[in-house]
PDB file of N, CA and C in Angstrom:
ATOM      1  N   MET A   1     -24.146  61.715  -8.430  1.00  0.00           N
ATOM      2  CA  MET A   1     -23.346  60.925  -7.231  1.00  0.00           C
ATOM      3  C   MET A   1     -24.465  59.626  -7.108  1.00  0.00           C
ATOM      4  N   ASN A   2     -25.699  60.004  -7.680  1.00  0.00           N
ATOM      5  CA  ASN A   2     -26.692  58.921  -7.468  1.00  0.00           C
ATOM      6  C   ASN A   2     -26.811  57.968  -8.506  1.00  0.00           C
ATOM      7  N   THR A   3     -26.112  58.286  -9.779  1.00  0.00           N
ATOM      8  CA  THR A   3     -26.262  57.596 -10.828  1.00  0.00           C
ATOM      9  C   THR A   3     -25.940  55.844 -10.494  1.00  0.00           C
ATOM     10  N   PRO A   4     -26.607  54.897 -10.819  1.00  0.00           N
ATOM     11  CA  PRO A   4     -26.523  53.559 -10.452  1.00  0.00           C
ATOM     12  C   PRO A   4     -25.183  53.230 -11.379  1.00  0.00           C
ATOM     13  N   TRP A   5     -24.367  52.127 -10.576  1.00  0.00           N
ATOM     14  CA  TRP A   5     -23.183  51.490 -10.889  1.00  0.00           C
ATOM     15  C   TRP A   5     -23.486  50.551 -11.938  1.00  0.00           C
ATOM     16  N   THR A   6     -22.586  50.159 -12.985  1.00  0.00           N
ATOM     17  CA  THR A   6     -23.037  49.126 -13.622  1.00  0.00           C
ATOM     18  C   THR A   6     -23.357  47.728 -13.060  1.00  0.00           C
ATOM     19  N   LYS A   7     -22.655  47.478 -12.207  1.00  0.00           N
ATOM     20  CA  LYS A   7     -23.164  46.170 -11.192  1.00  0.00           C
ATOM     21  C   LYS A   7     -22.707  46.633  -9.681  1.00  0.00           C
ATOM     22  N   PRO A   8     -23.745  46.241  -8.712  1.00  0.00           N
ATOM     23  CA  PRO A   8     -23.576  46.622  -7.335  1.00  0.00           C
ATOM     24  C   PRO A   8     -22.586  45.838  -6.725  1.00  0.00           C
ATOM     25  N   VAL A   9     -22.282  46.073  -5.592  1.00  0.00           N
ATOM     26  CA  VAL A   9     -21.189  45.608  -4.805  1.00  0.00           C
ATOM     27  C   VAL A   9     -21.945  45.346  -3.389  1.00  0.00           C
ATOM     28  N   VAL A  10     -21.674  44.026  -3.318  1.00  0.00           N
ATOM     29  CA  VAL A  10     -22.362  43.153  -1.950  1.00  0.00           C
ATOM     30  C   VAL A  10     -21.311  43.360  -0.637  1.00  0.00           C
ATOM     31  N   ILE A  11     -21.885  43.621   0.098  1.00  0.00           N
ATOM     32  CA  ILE A  11     -21.108  43.925   1.472  1.00  0.00           C
ATOM     33  C   ILE A  11     -21.761  43.408   2.540  1.00  0.00           C
ATOM     34  N   SER A  12     -20.983  42.970   3.484  1.00  0.00           N
ATOM     35  CA  SER A  12     -21.744  42.519   4.833  1.00  0.00           C
ATOM     36  C   SER A  12     -21.621  43.387   6.015  1.00  0.00           C
ATOM     37  N   ILE A  13     -22.344  44.338   6.367  1.00  0.00           N
ATOM     38  CA  ILE A  13     -22.082  45.177   7.091  1.00  0.00           C
ATOM     39  C   ILE A  13     -23.327  45.274   8.451  1.00  0.00           C
ATOM     40  N   GLY A  14     -22.997  45.721   9.414  1.00  0.00           N
ATOM     41  CA  GLY A  14     -23.960  45.935  10.684  1.00  0.00           C
ATOM     42  C   GLY A  14     -23.875  44.876  11.909  1.00  0.00           C
ATOM     43  N   ASP A  15     -24.342  45.431  12.532  1.00  0.00           N
ATOM     44  CA  ASP A  15     -24.474  44.125  13.880  1.00  0.00           C
ATOM     45  C   ASP A  15     -25.862  44.096  14.128  1.00  0.00           C
ATOM     46  N   PRO A  16     -26.074  42.412  13.983  1.00  0.00           N
ATOM     47  CA  PRO A  16     -25.524  41.552  13.082  1.00  0.00           C
ATOM     48  C   PRO A  16     -25.206  42.113  11.734  1.00  0.00           C
ATOM     49  N   PRO A  17     -24.490  41.439  11.117  1.00  0.00           N
ATOM     50  CA  PRO A  17     -24.148  41.408   9.757  1.00  0.00           C
ATOM     51  C   PRO A  17     -25.158  41.265   8.756  1.00  0.00           C
ATOM     52  N   VAL A  18     -25.353  42.288   7.973  1.00  0.00           N
ATOM     53  CA  VAL A  18     -26.378  41.851   6.915  1.00  0.00           C
ATOM     54  C   VAL A  18     -25.871  41.953   5.521  1.00  0.00           C
ATOM     55  N   GLU A  19     -26.252  41.267   4.550  1.00  0.00           N
ATOM     56  CA  GLU A  19     -25.871  41.457   3.277  1.00  0.00           C
ATOM     57  C   GLU A  19     -26.503  42.642   2.563  1.00  0.00           C
ATOM     58  N   THR A  20     -25.669  43.687   2.259  1.00  0.00           N
ATOM     59  CA  THR A  20     -26.157  44.890   1.735  1.00  0.00           C
ATOM     60  C   THR A  20     -25.851  45.381   0.157  1.00  0.00           C
ATOM     61  N   ALA A  21     -26.345  45.473  -0.523  1.00  0.00           N
ATOM     62  CA  ALA A  21     -25.936  45.813  -2.257  1.00  0.00           C
ATOM     63  C   ALA A  21     -25.909  47.457  -2.429  1.00  0.00           C
ATOM     64  N   ILE A  22     -24.516  47.547  -2.423  1.00  0.00           N
ATOM     65  CA  ILE A  22     -24.380  49.186  -2.796  1.00  0.00           C
ATOM     66  C   ILE A  22     -24.270  49.484  -4.428  1.00  0.00           C
ATOM     67  N   GLU A  23     -25.241  50.311  -4.597  1.00  0.00           N
ATOM     68  CA  GLU A  23     -25.395  50.452  -6.189  1.00  0.00           C
ATOM     69  C   GLU A  23     -25.070  51.754  -6.532  1.00  0.00           C
ATOM     70  N   THR A  24     -24.809  52.934  -5.974  1.00  0.00           N
ATOM     71  CA  THR A  24     -24.110  54.110  -6.331  1.00  0.00           C
ATOM     72  C   THR A  24     -23.356  54.514  -5.641  1.00  0.00           C
ATOM     73  N   THR A  25     -22.684  55.721  -5.775  1.00  0.00           N
ATOM     74  CA  THR A  25     -21.579  56.384  -5.552  1.00  0.00           C
ATOM     75  C   THR A  25     -22.195  56.988  -4.222  1.00  0.00           C
ATOM     76  N   GLN A  26     -23.155  57.561  -4.127  1.00  0.00           N
ATOM     77  CA  GLN A  26     -23.924  58.134  -2.972  1.00  0.00           C
ATOM     78  C   GLN A  26     -24.216  56.981  -1.656  1.00  0.00           C
ATOM     79  N   GLY A  27     -24.674  55.887  -2.095  1.00  0.00           N
ATOM     80  CA  GLY A  27     -24.856  54.780  -1.315  1.00  0.00           C
ATOM     81  C   GLY A  27     -23.418  54.473  -0.559  1.00  0.00           C
ATOM     82  N   ALA A  28     -22.270  54.438  -1.532  1.00  0.00           N
ATOM     83  CA  ALA A  28     -21.003  53.936  -0.893  1.00  0.00           C
ATOM     84  C   ALA A  28     -20.411  55.021  -0.081  1.00  0.00           C
ATOM     85  N   ALA A  29     -20.836  56.121  -0.282  1.00  0.00           N
ATOM     86  CA  ALA A  29     -20.225  57.171   0.644  1.00  0.00           C
ATOM     87  C   ALA A  29     -21.030  57.267   1.940  1.00  0.00           C
ATOM     88  N   TRP A  30     -22.310  57.009   1.901  1.00  0.00           N
ATOM     89  CA  TRP A  30     -23.013  57.014   3.074  1.00  0.00           C
ATOM     90  C   TRP A  30     -22.719  55.757   3.864  1.00  0.00           C
ATOM     91  N   ALA A  31     -22.293  54.354   3.343  1.00  0.00           N
ATOM     92  CA  ALA A  31     -22.025  53.570   3.942  1.00  0.00           C
ATOM     93  C   ALA A  31     -20.862  53.414   4.677  1.00  0.00           C
ATOM     94  N   MET A  32     -19.644  54.333   3.874  1.00  0.00           N
ATOM     95  CA  MET A  32     -18.308  54.320   4.485  1.00  0.00           C
ATOM     96  C   MET A  32     -18.355  55.538   5.583  1.00  0.00           C
ATOM     97  N   ILE A  33     -19.364  56.294   5.813  1.00  0.00           N
ATOM     98  CA  ILE A  33     -19.200  57.229   6.502  1.00  0.00           C
ATOM     99  C   ILE A  33     -20.165  56.875   7.953  1.00  0.00           C
ATOM    100  N   GLU A  34     -21.262  56.545   7.603  1.00  0.00           N
ATOM    101  CA  GLU A  34     -22.049  55.939   8.544  1.00  0.00           C
ATOM    102  C   GLU A  34     -21.922  54.462   9.249  1.00  0.00           C
ATOM    103  N   ASP A  35     -21.619  53.459   8.643  1.00  0.00           N
ATOM    104  CA  ASP A  35     -21.624  51.967   8.999  1.00  0.00           C
ATOM    105  C   ASP A  35     -20.346  51.133   8.799  1.00  0.00           C
ATOM    106  N   TRP A  36     -19.437  51.977   8.337  1.00  0.00           N
ATOM    107  CA  TRP A  36     -18.000  51.334   8.104  1.00  0.00           C
ATOM    108  C   TRP A  36     -17.344  50.731   9.162  1.00  0.00           C
ATOM    109  N   PRO A  37     -16.979  49.434   9.626  1.00  0.00           N
ATOM    110  CA  PRO A  37     -16.589  48.872  10.906  1.00  0.00           C
ATOM    111  C   PRO A  37     -15.057  49.400  11.052  1.00  0.00           C
ATOM    112  N   VAL A  38     -14.389  50.018  10.382  1.00  0.00           N
ATOM    113  CA  VAL A  38     -13.326  50.457  10.839  1.00  0.00           C
ATOM    114  C   VAL A  38     -12.964  52.078  10.379  1.00  0.00           C
ATOM    115  N   GLU A  39     -12.305  52.931  10.951  1.00  0.00           N
ATOM    116  CA  GLU A  39     -12.338  54.181  10.963  1.00  0.00           C
ATOM    117  C   GLU A  39     -11.280  54.771  10.081  1.00  0.00           C
ATOM    118  N   ASP A  40     -10.355  53.886   9.891  1.00  0.00           N
ATOM    119  CA  ASP A  40      -8.839  54.397   9.521  1.00  0.00           C
ATOM    120  C   ASP A  40      -8.360  53.423   8.517  1.00  0.00           C
ATOM    121  N   GLY A  41      -8.368  53.860   7.194  1.00  0.00           N
ATOM    122  CA  GLY A  41      -7.385  52.891   6.067  1.00  0.00           C
ATOM    123  C   GLY A  41      -6.955  53.448   5.055  1.00  0.00           C
ATOM    124  N   THR A  42      -5.843  52.847   4.350  1.00  0.00           N
ATOM    125  CA  THR A  42      -5.540  53.729   3.253  1.00  0.00           C
ATOM    126  C   THR A  42      -6.773  53.542   2.035  1.00  0.00           C
ATOM    127  N   ALA A  43      -7.329  52.335   1.805  1.00  0.00           N
ATOM    128  CA  ALA A  43      -8.242  52.125   0.679  1.00  0.00           C
ATOM    129  C   ALA A  43      -9.594  53.064   1.177  1.00  0.00           C
ATOM    130  N   LEU A  44     -10.103  53.334   2.462  1.00  0.00           N
ATOM    131  CA  LEU A  44     -11.364  53.711   2.709  1.00  0.00           C
ATOM    132  C   LEU A  44     -11.062  55.444   2.525  1.00  0.00           C
ATOM    133  N   ASP A  45      -9.548  55.866   2.638  1.00  0.00           N
ATOM    134  CA  ASP A  45      -9.571  57.116   2.608  1.00  0.00           C
ATOM    135  C   ASP A  45      -9.511  57.635   1.190  1.00  0.00           C
ATOM    136  N   ARG A  46      -9.013  56.621   0.229  1.00  0.00           N
ATOM    137  CA  ARG A  46      -8.881  56.924  -1.187  1.00  0.00           C
ATOM    138  C   ARG A  46     -10.684  56.740  -1.633  1.00  0.00           C
ATOM    139  N   ALA A  47     -11.093  56.057  -1.288  1.00  0.00           N
ATOM    140  CA  ALA A  47     -12.479  55.440  -1.616  1.00  0.00           C
ATOM    141  C   ALA A  47     -13.272  56.887  -1.209  1.00  0.00           C
ATOM    142  N   LEU A  48     -13.307  57.479   0.035  1.00  0.00           N
ATOM    143  CA  LEU A  48     -14.187  58.407  -0.018  1.00  0.00           C
ATOM    144  C   LEU A  48     -13.587  59.783  -0.607  1.00  0.00           C
ATOM    145  N   THR A  49     -12.244  60.078  -1.203  1.00  0.00           N
ATOM    146  CA  THR A  49     -11.786  61.144  -1.895  1.00  0.00           C
ATOM    147  C   THR A  49     -12.265  60.713  -3.381  1.00  0.00           C
ATOM    148  N   VAL A  50     -12.414  59.687  -3.909  1.00  0.00           N
ATOM    149  CA  VAL A  50     -12.793  59.300  -5.222  1.00  0.00           C
ATOM    150  C   VAL A  50     -14.395  59.724  -5.242  1.00  0.00           C
ATOM    151  N   CYS A  51     -14.963  59.327  -4.092  1.00  0.00           N
ATOM    152  CA  CYS A  51     -16.569  59.729  -4.073  1.00  0.00           C
ATOM    153  C   CYS A  51     -16.785  61.092  -4.212  1.00  0.00           C
ATOM    154  N   ALA A  52     -15.887  61.774  -3.103  1.00  0.00           N
ATOM    155  CA  ALA A  52     -16.018  63.572  -3.600  1.00  0.00           C
ATOM    156  C   ALA A  52     -15.836  63.782  -4.683  1.00  0.00           C
ATOM    157  N   ALA A  53     -14.809  63.299  -5.453  1.00  0.00           N
ATOM    158  CA  ALA A  53     -14.602  63.779  -6.809  1.00  0.00           C
ATOM    159  C   ALA A  53     -15.304  63.471  -7.946  1.00  0.00           C
ATOM    160  N   VAL A  54     -16.312  62.138  -7.682  1.00  0.00           N
ATOM    161  CA  VAL A  54     -17.103  61.804  -8.646  1.00  0.00           C
ATOM    162  C   VAL A  54     -18.295  63.153  -8.224  1.00  0.00           C
ATOM    163  N   ASP A  55     -18.821  63.336  -7.330  1.00  0.00           N
ATOM    164  CA  ASP A  55     -19.423  64.493  -6.685  1.00  0.00           C
ATOM    165  C   ASP A  55     -19.354  65.837  -7.458  1.00  0.00           C
ATOM    166  N   ALA A  56     -17.968  65.998  -7.384  1.00  0.00           N
ATOM    167  CA  ALA A  56     -17.700  67.395  -7.950  1.00  0.00           C
ATOM    168  C   ALA A  56     -17.362  67.145  -9.568  1.00  0.00           C
ATOM    169  N   GLY A  57     -17.754  65.988 -10.110  1.00  0.00           N
ATOM    170  CA  GLY A  57     -17.723  66.065 -11.608  1.00  0.00           C
ATOM    171  C   GLY A  57     -16.304  65.657 -12.032  1.00  0.00           C
ATOM    172  N   LYS A  58     -15.440  65.249 -11.191  1.00  0.00           N
ATOM    173  CA  LYS A  58     -13.828  65.092 -11.571  1.00  0.00           C
ATOM    174  C   LYS A  58     -13.627  63.604 -11.797  1.00  0.00           C
ATOM    175  N   SER A  59     -14.345  62.582 -11.396  1.00  0.00           N
ATOM    176  CA  SER A  59     -14.120  61.032 -11.549  1.00  0.00           C
ATOM    177  C   SER A  59     -15.337  60.643 -12.172  1.00  0.00           C
ATOM    178  N   LYS A  60     -15.231  59.376 -12.475  1.00  0.00           N
ATOM    179  CA  LYS A  60     -16.570  58.547 -13.238  1.00  0.00           C
ATOM    180  C   LYS A  60     -16.665  57.767 -11.973  1.00  0.00           C
ATOM    181  N   PRO A  61     -18.299  57.599 -11.994  1.00  0.00           N
ATOM    182  CA  PRO A  61     -18.830  56.806 -11.052  1.00  0.00           C
ATOM    183  C   PRO A  61     -18.037  55.225 -11.047  1.00  0.00           C
ATOM    184  N   GLU A  62     -17.749  54.493 -12.300  1.00  0.00           N
ATOM    185  CA  GLU A  62     -17.049  53.209 -11.906  1.00  0.00           C
ATOM    186  C   GLU A  62     -15.553  53.301 -11.306  1.00  0.00           C
ATOM    187  N   ASP A  63     -15.273  54.664 -11.141  1.00  0.00           N
ATOM    188  CA  ASP A  63     -13.874  54.896 -10.452  1.00  0.00           C
ATOM    189  C   ASP A  63     -14.301  54.722  -9.086  1.00  0.00           C
ATOM    190  N   ALA A  64     -15.196  55.477  -8.411  1.00  0.00           N
ATOM    191  CA  ALA A  64     -15.712  55.041  -6.977  1.00  0.00           C
ATOM    192  C   ALA A  64     -16.247  53.796  -6.939  1.00  0.00           C
ATOM    193  N   ARG A  65     -16.881  53.056  -7.630  1.00  0.00           N
ATOM    194  CA  ARG A  65     -16.966  51.600  -7.507  1.00  0.00           C
ATOM    195  C   ARG A  65     -15.912  50.986  -7.133  1.00  0.00           C
ATOM    196  N   LYS A  66     -14.663  50.821  -8.065  1.00  0.00           N
ATOM    197  CA  LYS A  66     -13.631  50.216  -7.976  1.00  0.00           C
ATOM    198  C   LYS A  66     -12.980  50.688  -6.427  1.00  0.00           C
ATOM    199  N   ALA A  67     -12.852  51.915  -6.221  1.00  0.00           N
ATOM    200  CA  ALA A  67     -12.109  52.303  -5.019  1.00  0.00           C
ATOM    201  C   ALA A  67     -13.175  51.895  -3.843  1.00  0.00           C
ATOM    202  N   PHE A  68     -14.543  51.805  -3.763  1.00  0.00           N
ATOM    203  CA  PHE A  68     -15.290  51.265  -2.837  1.00  0.00           C
ATOM    204  C   PHE A  68     -14.772  49.769  -2.677  1.00  0.00           C
ATOM    205  N   VAL A  69     -14.588  49.155  -3.671  1.00  0.00           N
ATOM    206  CA  VAL A  69     -14.292  47.370  -3.710  1.00  0.00           C
ATOM    207  C   VAL A  69     -12.949  47.144  -2.882  1.00  0.00           C
ATOM    208  N   GLU A  70     -12.088  48.027  -3.261  1.00  0.00           N
ATOM    209  CA  GLU A  70     -10.519  47.965  -2.492  1.00  0.00           C
ATOM    210  C   GLU A  70     -11.097  48.068  -1.069  1.00  0.00           C
ATOM    211  N   ALA A  71     -11.932  49.356  -0.512  1.00  0.00           N
ATOM    212  CA  ALA A  71     -12.398  49.724   0.721  1.00  0.00           C
ATOM    213  C   ALA A  71     -12.620  48.509   1.383  1.00  0.00           C
ATOM    214  N   ALA A  72     -13.605  48.065   0.801  1.00  0.00           N
ATOM    215  CA  ALA A  72     -14.317  46.756   1.324  1.00  0.00           C
ATOM    216  C   ALA A  72     -13.550  45.584   1.667  1.00  0.00           C
ATOM    217  N   LYS A  73     -12.813  45.413   0.745  1.00  0.00           N
ATOM    218  CA  LYS A  73     -11.664  44.465   0.886  1.00  0.00           C
ATOM    219  C   LYS A  73     -10.944  44.680   2.052  1.00  0.00           C
ATOM    220  N   GLU A  74     -10.480  46.094   2.194  1.00  0.00           N
ATOM    221  CA  GLU A  74      -9.592  46.263   3.256  1.00  0.00           C
ATOM    222  C   GLU A  74     -10.017  46.007   4.462  1.00  0.00           C
ATOM    223  N   ALA A  75     -11.502  46.267   4.559  1.00  0.00           N
ATOM    224  CA  ALA A  75     -12.254  46.045   5.734  1.00  0.00           C
ATOM    225  C   ALA A  75     -12.852  44.713   6.045  1.00  0.00           C
ATOM    226  N   HIS A  76     -12.521  43.694   5.197  1.00  0.00           N
ATOM    227  CA  HIS A  76     -12.995  42.334   5.173  1.00  0.00           C
ATOM    228  C   HIS A  76     -14.514  42.162   5.345  1.00  0.00           C
ATOM    229  N   ILE A  77     -15.148  43.053   4.492  1.00  0.00           N
ATOM    230  CA  ILE A  77     -16.625  42.962   4.407  1.00  0.00           C
ATOM    231  C   ILE A  77     -17.077  42.724   3.126  1.00  0.00           C
ATOM    232  N   LEU A  78     -16.135  42.599   1.939  1.00  0.00           N
ATOM    233  CA  LEU A  78     -16.679  42.228   0.529  1.00  0.00           C
ATOM    234  C   LEU A  78     -17.165  41.182   0.622  1.00  0.00           C
ATOM    235  N   VAL A  79     -18.482  40.819   0.005  1.00  0.00           N
ATOM    236  CA  VAL A  79     -19.095  39.492  -0.243  1.00  0.00           C
ATOM    237  C   VAL A  79     -18.893  39.219  -1.848  1.00  0.00           C
ATOM    238  N   ARG A  80     -19.163  40.330  -2.722  1.00  0.00           N
ATOM    239  CA  ARG A  80     -19.085  40.401  -4.138  1.00  0.00           C
ATOM    240  C   ARG A  80     -19.190  41.340  -4.923  1.00  0.00           C
ATOM    241  N   ALA A  81     -18.304  41.604  -5.755  1.00  0.00           N
ATOM    242  CA  ALA A  81     -18.133  42.617  -6.431  1.00  0.00           C
ATOM    243  C   ALA A  81     -18.453  42.393  -7.946  1.00  0.00           C
TER     244      ALA A  81
END
């Protein structure tokens, strides 16, 4: 779960917002659980599910990256993917 992604995803998160590079599935999961600006969303739920699947060895880290990008778009915090 802590395997680096091929390319980091940069999001703007926090108060005040700070650009943060997310580079692993574990980092994505923590960001979505601890710091996400919204609590509900279809893409957020899917991304959390995919992150758990990566941890269980049932999905690839890049699947989690793609799902995380969609969740960041949904939350309007994506800077660059």
